[in-house]
Amino acid sequence: MKPTTGIFVSAVLLILLGLTMFWAAYNRAPGGGSMPVDDHAAEGPELELNREIAPFKLMSAQEETFDTASLDGDVWIASFFFTMCPSICKMQNQQIAILQEEFADDGVKFVSITCDPDNDTPAVLRQYAESFQAEPGVWTFLTGDMDQLKEITEGSFQVAFETQTHSDRLMVIDKQGKLRGTFRATDATDFLRAKKLLKQLLAEPYEPEAKEEPTKEVAAKEEPRKQTMESFQLTDSLDQPFDSKSLEGDIWLGSFFYTSCPGSCIMQNMEKAKLRNEFKDRGLKLVSITCDPDNDTPAALAGYGERFQADPDNWYFCTGKFDDIQKIGNEFFDIKVEPQYHSDRVFLVGRDGKVIDSFRTSQKDQMESLHKTLEEILPPAKEDASTTETEKKD
């Protein structure tokens, strides 16, 4: 065979190969079948349906705490993504945008959780949400601490979750908070099945579960006993001695936590940060005591405090010997403290160093009650001197 003939045959074969690859790719696009899964998509075993998805809290793109308990009685879809993903996440969210347009008026909600929290700040998420015309209150984008996100995703949804690695499925949850189906939004057949299930779930009645009243035994455990310790001494995040007597004359909030806690501690301190922002000009002080002093050195506490923009002159992160911390929990705050185990309560302490009351940060009504109490007992904010002078001139 002549060399020119061989070159011609090779060229023809390459063209045919190219056409074959193009045809295969075309038929796997969203309109013609299923989109190939990106390298970052995480697969796992088939998920168990009809199981309850435990409520969880994360930070929204609006920098507010979002609690999925607020979705009780709603049909909703959970999904996972990251904003820097160039392909599959965009395709997935384009499909979710279609579902939003079709089902938002029927009450379906959408919750998208990032797997790249270091890059996906609330500001980045807001811009990303706008690119898909996400309706506030309908489609919520969430972020948080990576350990917390991983715990929620792998624990509640039972799917693999790592930085920039996630399941590419939509999780459909019914009005009772149970997982009823999982679908690939980029698969045309799956997408139609998802729509069909949404219509079915919307037609189902909602029967809220009756909440049992706490027994007298449980209620007794919640009732505070008499405070037997007048003050305590620890070490703060600046490696300086801290004495609770230094706060006499101030209103302050005390609580327990530990820095490696992936979920509840972060939410607790986010609630305290919100109160700090609200009452920072009215003299409120905050004290957070670790229950993991072996790991939570002053340096570790300083780094942790920076996450909440804590001013060390007003928000004290404290450590010390565990025996002392346990005694403080028992005798000053009247709660049980164990290594990496503590109450989710914040304790309101009066100007005389006595505990006035305690409030669970995980319960919205109790935090509203705390907010109301602080409004009543804290002095009004000091007027800005320049503003006062201007008012006098006017």
Protein backbone atom coordinates (compact mmCIF):
# COMPACT_ATOMS: atom_id res chain seq x y z
CA MET A 1 0.00 0.00 0.00
CA LYS A 2 1.32 3.45 -0.91
CA PRO A 3 2.23 5.82 1.93
CA THR A 4 -0.39 8.33 0.80
CA THR A 5 -3.05 5.63 0.95
CA GLY A 6 -2.07 4.73 4.52
CA ILE A 7 -2.23 8.36 5.58
CA PHE A 8 -5.68 8.70 3.98
CA VAL A 9 -7.01 5.60 5.75
CA SER A 10 -5.63 6.79 9.09
CA ALA A 11 -7.24 10.18 8.65
CA VAL A 12 -10.60 8.60 7.85
CA LEU A 13 -10.37 6.38 10.95
CA LEU A 14 -9.56 9.37 13.16
CA ILE A 15 -12.54 11.29 11.79
CA LEU A 16 -14.84 8.32 12.42
CA LEU A 17 -13.50 7.97 15.95
CA GLY A 18 -14.10 11.67 16.61
CA LEU A 19 -17.67 11.46 15.32
CA THR A 20 -18.33 8.43 17.50
CA MET A 21 -17.09 10.24 20.63
CA PHE A 22 -19.15 13.32 19.77
CA TRP A 23 -22.28 11.22 19.26
CA ALA A 24 -21.74 9.43 22.59
CA ALA A 25 -21.23 12.71 24.44
CA TYR A 26 -24.31 14.26 22.83
CA ASN A 27 -26.53 11.38 23.86
CA ARG A 28 -25.34 11.64 27.44
CA ALA A 29 -26.23 15.33 27.76
CA PRO A 30 -29.19 16.39 29.98
CA GLY A 31 -31.61 16.41 27.09
CA GLY A 32 -30.67 13.04 25.74
CA GLY A 33 -29.91 10.85 28.72
CA SER A 34 -27.54 11.16 31.65
CA MET A 35 -24.65 13.53 32.10
CA PRO A 36 -21.31 11.88 32.91
CA VAL A 37 -20.52 12.26 36.57
CA ASP A 38 -17.60 14.55 37.45
CA ASP A 39 -14.55 13.20 39.20
CA HIS A 40 -15.68 14.97 42.37
CA ALA A 41 -19.02 13.14 42.58
CA ALA A 42 -19.08 10.68 45.46
CA GLU A 43 -20.91 7.38 45.14
CA GLY A 44 -22.05 5.17 47.96
CA PRO A 45 -24.41 2.29 48.77
CA GLU A 46 -28.10 2.55 47.90
CA LEU A 47 -29.79 4.80 50.41
CA GLU A 48 -32.45 3.58 52.81
CA LEU A 49 -35.75 5.35 52.15
CA ASN A 50 -38.57 6.29 54.54
CA ARG A 51 -36.12 7.16 57.29
CA GLU A 52 -36.26 10.45 59.16
CA ILE A 53 -33.74 13.17 58.36
CA ALA A 54 -32.83 14.68 61.73
CA PRO A 55 -33.18 18.50 61.81
CA PHE A 56 -29.92 20.43 61.63
CA LYS A 57 -28.72 24.03 61.67
CA LEU A 58 -26.26 25.74 59.33
CA MET A 59 -25.43 29.28 58.23
CA SER A 60 -27.31 30.64 55.24
CA ALA A 61 -26.02 32.89 52.47
CA GLN A 62 -27.78 35.71 54.37
CA GLU A 63 -25.49 34.99 57.37
CA GLU A 64 -28.42 33.78 59.46
CA THR A 65 -28.88 30.48 61.25
CA PHE A 66 -31.09 28.20 59.16
CA ASP A 67 -32.85 25.38 61.00
CA THR A 68 -34.38 22.61 58.87
CA ALA A 69 -36.95 22.17 61.64
CA SER A 70 -38.59 25.20 60.02
CA LEU A 71 -39.38 22.93 57.04
CA ASP A 72 -41.74 20.71 59.06
CA GLY A 73 -44.86 20.28 56.94
CA ASP A 74 -43.01 21.18 53.72
CA VAL A 75 -41.80 18.97 50.91
CA TRP A 76 -38.15 19.85 50.31
CA ILE A 77 -35.10 18.86 48.33
CA ALA A 78 -31.55 18.75 49.68
CA SER A 79 -28.53 18.81 47.37
CA PHE A 80 -24.76 19.22 47.57
CA PHE A 81 -22.41 21.33 45.46
CA PHE A 82 -19.56 23.85 45.49
CA THR A 83 -19.45 27.14 43.61
CA MET A 84 -16.09 26.56 41.88
CA CYS A 85 -17.35 23.35 40.24
CA PRO A 86 -17.27 24.07 36.47
CA SER A 87 -19.76 21.51 35.22
CA ILE A 88 -21.87 18.97 37.09
CA CYS A 89 -22.85 21.33 39.93
CA LYS A 90 -23.92 23.99 37.44
CA MET A 91 -25.97 21.46 35.48
CA GLN A 92 -27.54 20.20 38.72
CA ASN A 93 -28.45 23.68 39.94
CA GLN A 94 -29.86 24.62 36.54
CA GLN A 95 -32.21 21.67 36.92
CA ILE A 96 -33.09 22.71 40.46
CA ALA A 97 -33.90 26.17 39.10
CA ILE A 98 -36.40 24.49 36.77
CA LEU A 99 -37.97 22.66 39.72
CA GLN A 100 -38.11 25.94 41.66
CA GLU A 101 -39.97 27.62 38.82
CA GLU A 102 -42.47 24.76 38.59
CA PHE A 103 -43.02 23.93 42.27
CA ALA A 104 -42.21 27.04 44.36
CA ASP A 105 -45.83 28.20 44.33
CA ASP A 106 -46.85 24.76 45.61
CA GLY A 107 -44.61 25.18 48.65
CA VAL A 108 -41.63 23.00 47.73
CA LYS A 109 -38.39 24.23 49.33
CA PHE A 110 -34.79 23.68 48.25
CA VAL A 111 -31.67 23.40 50.43
CA SER A 112 -28.20 23.34 48.80
CA ILE A 113 -25.18 22.56 51.01
CA THR A 114 -21.64 23.45 49.95
CA CYS A 115 -18.76 21.00 50.35
CA ASP A 116 -16.17 23.79 50.04
CA PRO A 117 -16.84 26.09 53.00
CA ASP A 118 -13.37 27.67 52.94
CA ASN A 119 -14.17 29.24 49.57
CA ASP A 120 -17.97 29.33 49.71
CA THR A 121 -18.46 32.17 52.17
CA PRO A 122 -21.96 33.62 52.64
CA ALA A 123 -21.03 36.47 50.27
CA VAL A 124 -19.92 34.00 47.57
CA LEU A 125 -23.09 31.96 48.09
CA ARG A 126 -25.29 35.05 47.72
CA GLN A 127 -23.73 35.86 44.37
CA TYR A 128 -23.98 32.22 43.28
CA ALA A 129 -27.65 32.03 44.32
CA GLU A 130 -28.42 35.13 42.26
CA SER A 131 -26.93 33.50 39.16
CA PHE A 132 -29.65 30.83 39.40
CA GLN A 133 -32.38 33.31 40.39
CA ALA A 134 -32.86 31.49 43.69
CA GLU A 135 -35.91 32.87 45.50
CA PRO A 136 -35.23 33.89 49.12
CA GLY A 137 -37.20 31.68 51.47
CA VAL A 138 -37.61 29.05 48.76
CA TRP A 139 -34.08 28.05 47.79
CA THR A 140 -31.51 28.34 50.59
CA PHE A 141 -27.75 27.94 50.18
CA LEU A 142 -25.93 26.78 53.33
CA THR A 143 -22.39 26.64 54.66
CA GLY A 144 -20.66 25.94 57.97
CA ASP A 145 -17.62 24.32 59.52
CA MET A 146 -16.36 21.41 57.37
CA ASP A 147 -16.50 18.93 60.25
CA GLN A 148 -20.05 20.01 60.97
CA LEU A 149 -21.06 19.74 57.30
CA LYS A 150 -19.50 16.30 57.05
CA GLU A 151 -21.25 15.11 60.20
CA ILE A 152 -24.64 16.29 58.94
CA THR A 153 -24.22 14.96 55.41
CA GLU A 154 -22.77 11.57 56.28
CA GLY A 155 -24.88 11.16 59.41
CA SER A 156 -28.29 12.42 58.27
CA PHE A 157 -28.13 11.78 54.53
CA GLN A 158 -25.68 8.84 54.65
CA VAL A 159 -23.67 9.94 51.61
CA ALA A 160 -19.93 10.52 51.18
CA PHE A 161 -18.79 14.09 51.68
CA GLU A 162 -15.32 15.61 51.42
CA THR A 163 -13.89 18.94 50.28
CA GLN A 164 -15.10 19.47 46.69
CA THR A 165 -16.43 15.89 46.72
CA HIS A 166 -20.10 15.10 47.21
CA SER A 167 -23.10 13.07 46.09
CA ASP A 168 -24.66 14.32 42.85
CA ARG A 169 -28.15 13.24 43.90
CA LEU A 170 -31.18 15.28 44.90
CA MET A 171 -32.62 14.12 48.22
CA VAL A 172 -36.41 14.46 48.32
CA ILE A 173 -37.85 14.79 51.84
CA ASP A 174 -41.57 14.61 52.61
CA LYS A 175 -43.73 16.72 54.95
CA GLN A 176 -42.94 14.39 57.86
CA GLY A 177 -39.18 14.91 57.39
CA LYS A 178 -38.56 11.48 55.85
CA LEU A 179 -36.33 10.74 52.87
CA ARG A 180 -38.59 9.43 50.10
CA GLY A 181 -36.38 9.36 47.01
CA THR A 182 -33.00 10.24 45.50
CA PHE A 183 -32.52 11.34 41.90
CA ARG A 184 -29.81 12.58 39.57
CA ALA A 185 -31.04 15.92 38.31
CA THR A 186 -28.88 15.61 35.20
CA ASP A 187 -30.48 12.31 34.17
CA ALA A 188 -33.57 13.01 32.06
CA THR A 189 -35.45 9.92 33.27
CA ASP A 190 -34.54 10.52 36.92
CA PHE A 191 -35.57 14.17 36.60
CA LEU A 192 -39.05 13.19 35.41
CA ARG A 193 -39.32 10.68 38.26
CA ALA A 194 -38.38 13.42 40.73
CA LYS A 195 -41.16 15.65 39.40
CA LYS A 196 -43.65 12.81 39.69
CA LEU A 197 -42.64 12.13 43.30
CA LEU A 198 -42.90 15.82 44.22
CA LYS A 199 -46.49 15.92 42.97
CA GLN A 200 -47.27 12.77 44.94
CA LEU A 201 -45.76 14.12 48.17
CA LEU A 202 -47.52 17.47 47.82
CA ALA A 203 -50.83 15.62 47.70
CA GLU A 204 -50.11 13.70 50.90
CA PRO A 205 -51.60 15.07 54.16
CA TYR A 206 -49.36 16.46 56.87
CA GLU A 207 -49.80 14.95 60.30
CA PRO A 208 -47.55 16.66 62.84
CA GLU A 209 -46.28 14.30 65.48
CA ALA A 210 -47.62 14.96 68.96
CA LYS A 211 -44.84 16.09 71.27
CA GLU A 212 -44.79 14.32 74.60
CA GLU A 213 -44.82 16.51 77.67
CA PRO A 214 -41.66 16.03 79.75
CA THR A 215 -42.14 13.78 82.76
CA LYS A 216 -41.72 15.17 86.25
CA GLU A 217 -38.40 13.32 86.49
CA VAL A 218 -37.04 15.02 83.35
CA ALA A 219 -38.45 18.38 84.38
CA ALA A 220 -36.74 18.06 87.74
CA LYS A 221 -33.38 17.59 86.02
CA GLU A 222 -33.93 20.81 84.08
CA GLU A 223 -34.73 22.83 87.21
CA PRO A 224 -31.65 24.67 88.49
CA ARG A 225 -30.50 23.85 92.00
CA LYS A 226 -28.95 26.29 94.41
CA GLN A 227 -25.67 27.91 93.29
CA THR A 228 -22.99 26.95 95.81
CA MET A 229 -19.87 28.57 94.27
CA GLU A 230 -19.59 32.37 94.41
CA SER A 231 -16.80 32.81 91.85
CA PHE A 232 -14.15 30.89 89.90
CA GLN A 233 -10.69 31.36 88.42
CA LEU A 234 -9.41 30.07 85.06
CA THR A 235 -6.98 31.07 82.26
CA ASP A 236 -8.15 33.02 79.22
CA SER A 237 -7.12 32.86 75.56
CA LEU A 238 -4.40 35.49 76.16
CA ASP A 239 -2.86 33.10 78.72
CA GLN A 240 -3.85 35.53 81.48
CA PRO A 241 -5.64 34.72 84.75
CA PHE A 242 -9.40 35.12 84.56
CA ASP A 243 -11.49 35.66 87.68
CA SER A 244 -15.28 35.78 87.39
CA LYS A 245 -15.23 38.41 90.18
CA SER A 246 -13.81 40.81 87.57
CA LEU A 247 -17.27 40.79 85.98
CA GLU A 248 -19.10 41.95 89.10
CA GLY A 249 -21.29 44.85 88.08
CA ASP A 250 -21.71 43.40 84.57
CA ILE A 251 -24.39 41.23 83.00
CA TRP A 252 -22.77 38.21 81.34
CA LEU A 253 -23.53 34.90 79.63
CA GLY A 254 -21.62 31.74 80.52
CA SER A 255 -21.49 28.44 78.62
CA PHE A 256 -19.38 25.35 77.95
CA PHE A 257 -17.94 24.08 74.66
CA TYR A 258 -14.82 22.55 73.09
CA THR A 259 -13.03 23.61 69.92
CA SER A 260 -13.10 20.25 68.10
CA CYS A 261 -16.88 19.93 68.54
CA PRO A 262 -18.25 19.62 64.97
CA GLY A 263 -21.83 20.79 65.47
CA SER A 264 -23.64 21.98 68.59
CA CYS A 265 -20.75 24.07 69.97
CA ILE A 266 -20.49 26.03 66.74
CA MET A 267 -24.21 26.69 66.67
CA GLN A 268 -24.15 27.67 70.36
CA ASN A 269 -21.35 30.17 69.80
CA MET A 270 -23.02 31.50 66.68
CA GLU A 271 -26.06 32.29 68.84
CA LYS A 272 -23.80 34.00 71.38
CA ALA A 273 -22.13 35.96 68.58
CA LYS A 274 -25.55 37.18 67.43
CA LEU A 275 -26.30 38.40 70.97
CA ARG A 276 -22.85 40.01 71.13
CA ASN A 277 -23.60 41.92 67.92
CA GLU A 278 -27.01 42.96 69.21
CA PHE A 279 -25.92 44.12 72.67
CA LYS A 280 -22.22 44.97 72.22
CA ASP A 281 -22.88 48.65 72.98
CA ARG A 282 -24.88 47.87 76.11
CA GLY A 283 -22.20 46.19 78.21
CA LEU A 284 -22.97 42.48 77.71
CA LYS A 285 -19.99 40.18 78.41
CA LEU A 286 -19.55 36.56 77.33
CA VAL A 287 -17.65 33.68 78.96
CA SER A 288 -17.07 30.36 77.15
CA ILE A 289 -15.38 27.55 79.10
CA THR A 290 -13.84 24.55 77.37
CA CYS A 291 -14.57 21.03 78.59
CA ASP A 292 -11.53 19.71 76.69
CA PRO A 293 -8.60 21.49 78.38
CA ASP A 294 -6.06 18.87 77.28
CA ASN A 295 -6.47 20.06 73.69
CA ASP A 296 -7.85 23.57 74.15
CA THR A 297 -4.75 25.52 75.08
CA PRO A 298 -4.91 29.33 75.31
CA ALA A 299 -3.45 29.49 71.77
CA ALA A 300 -6.12 27.10 70.46
CA LEU A 301 -8.82 29.17 72.16
CA ALA A 302 -7.43 32.37 70.65
CA GLY A 303 -7.67 30.88 67.15
CA TYR A 304 -11.16 29.59 67.84
CA GLY A 305 -12.28 32.98 69.14
CA GLU A 306 -11.11 34.65 65.95
CA ARG A 307 -13.65 32.58 64.01
CA PHE A 308 -16.38 34.46 65.87
CA GLN A 309 -14.56 37.81 65.78
CA ALA A 310 -14.42 37.69 69.57
CA ASP A 311 -12.96 40.71 71.35
CA PRO A 312 -10.86 39.20 74.18
CA ASP A 313 -11.83 42.16 76.41
CA ASN A 314 -15.53 41.25 76.19
CA TRP A 315 -15.70 37.59 75.21
CA TYR A 316 -13.52 35.36 77.37
CA PHE A 317 -12.61 31.86 76.13
CA CYS A 318 -11.27 30.04 79.18
CA THR A 319 -9.41 26.87 80.06
CA GLY A 320 -7.83 25.32 83.15
CA LYS A 321 -7.55 22.02 84.98
CA PHE A 322 -10.42 19.72 84.14
CA ASP A 323 -11.22 19.02 87.79
CA ASP A 324 -11.67 22.75 88.34
CA ILE A 325 -13.82 23.12 85.21
CA GLN A 326 -15.99 20.18 86.27
CA LYS A 327 -16.40 21.75 89.73
CA ILE A 328 -17.38 25.09 88.15
CA GLY A 329 -20.01 23.34 86.06
CA ASN A 330 -21.43 21.55 89.09
CA GLU A 331 -21.20 24.24 91.79
CA PHE A 332 -21.48 27.52 89.89
CA PHE A 333 -23.75 26.65 86.94
CA ASP A 334 -25.30 23.47 88.37
CA ILE A 335 -24.77 21.28 85.30
CA LYS A 336 -22.86 18.12 84.56
CA VAL A 337 -19.59 18.57 82.65
CA GLU A 338 -17.49 15.69 81.31
CA PRO A 339 -14.60 15.62 78.81
CA GLN A 340 -16.09 16.78 75.49
CA TYR A 341 -19.57 16.64 77.02
CA HIS A 342 -21.62 19.61 78.20
CA SER A 343 -25.03 21.28 78.22
CA ASP A 344 -26.18 23.37 75.24
CA ARG A 345 -27.43 26.03 77.67
CA VAL A 346 -26.17 29.56 78.15
CA PHE A 347 -26.41 30.93 81.67
CA LEU A 348 -27.44 34.49 82.38
CA VAL A 349 -25.42 35.87 85.30
CA GLY A 350 -26.39 39.06 87.11
CA ARG A 351 -24.30 41.95 88.35
CA ASP A 352 -23.94 40.24 91.74
CA GLY A 353 -22.35 37.12 90.19
CA LYS A 354 -25.48 35.02 90.72
CA VAL A 355 -27.01 32.89 87.96
CA ILE A 356 -30.38 34.38 87.04
CA ASP A 357 -31.59 31.78 84.52
CA SER A 358 -30.46 29.45 81.72
CA PHE A 359 -31.58 29.12 78.11
CA ARG A 360 -31.11 26.38 75.50
CA THR A 361 -29.42 27.77 72.39
CA SER A 362 -30.96 25.02 70.26
CA GLN A 363 -34.51 26.18 70.99
CA LYS A 364 -35.74 29.30 69.21
CA ASP A 365 -38.36 30.21 71.80
CA GLN A 366 -35.82 30.11 74.63
CA MET A 367 -33.38 32.31 72.71
CA GLU A 368 -36.20 34.78 72.04
CA SER A 369 -36.92 34.77 75.77
CA LEU A 370 -33.25 35.44 76.54
CA HIS A 371 -33.21 38.29 74.03
CA LYS A 372 -36.26 39.82 75.68
CA THR A 373 -34.71 39.49 79.13
CA LEU A 374 -31.49 41.17 78.00
CA GLU A 375 -33.50 44.02 76.50
CA GLU A 376 -35.07 44.57 79.91
CA ILE A 377 -32.04 44.34 82.19
CA LEU A 378 -29.24 45.89 80.12
CA PRO A 379 -28.80 49.66 80.09
CA PRO A 380 -29.53 51.56 76.88
CA ALA A 381 -26.66 51.97 74.43
CA LYS A 382 -24.42 54.95 75.10
CA GLU A 383 -24.99 57.82 72.72
CA ASP A 384 -22.16 58.66 70.36
CA ALA A 385 -20.49 61.89 71.52
CA SER A 386 -20.35 63.40 68.03
CA THR A 387 -24.02 62.62 67.48
CA THR A 388 -24.95 64.25 70.79
CA GLU A 389 -23.03 67.43 69.94
CA THR A 390 -24.74 67.62 66.53
CA GLU A 391 -28.16 67.22 68.16
CA LYS A 392 -27.36 70.03 70.63
CA LYS A 393 -26.40 72.39 67.79
CA ASP A 394 -29.62 71.57 65.95
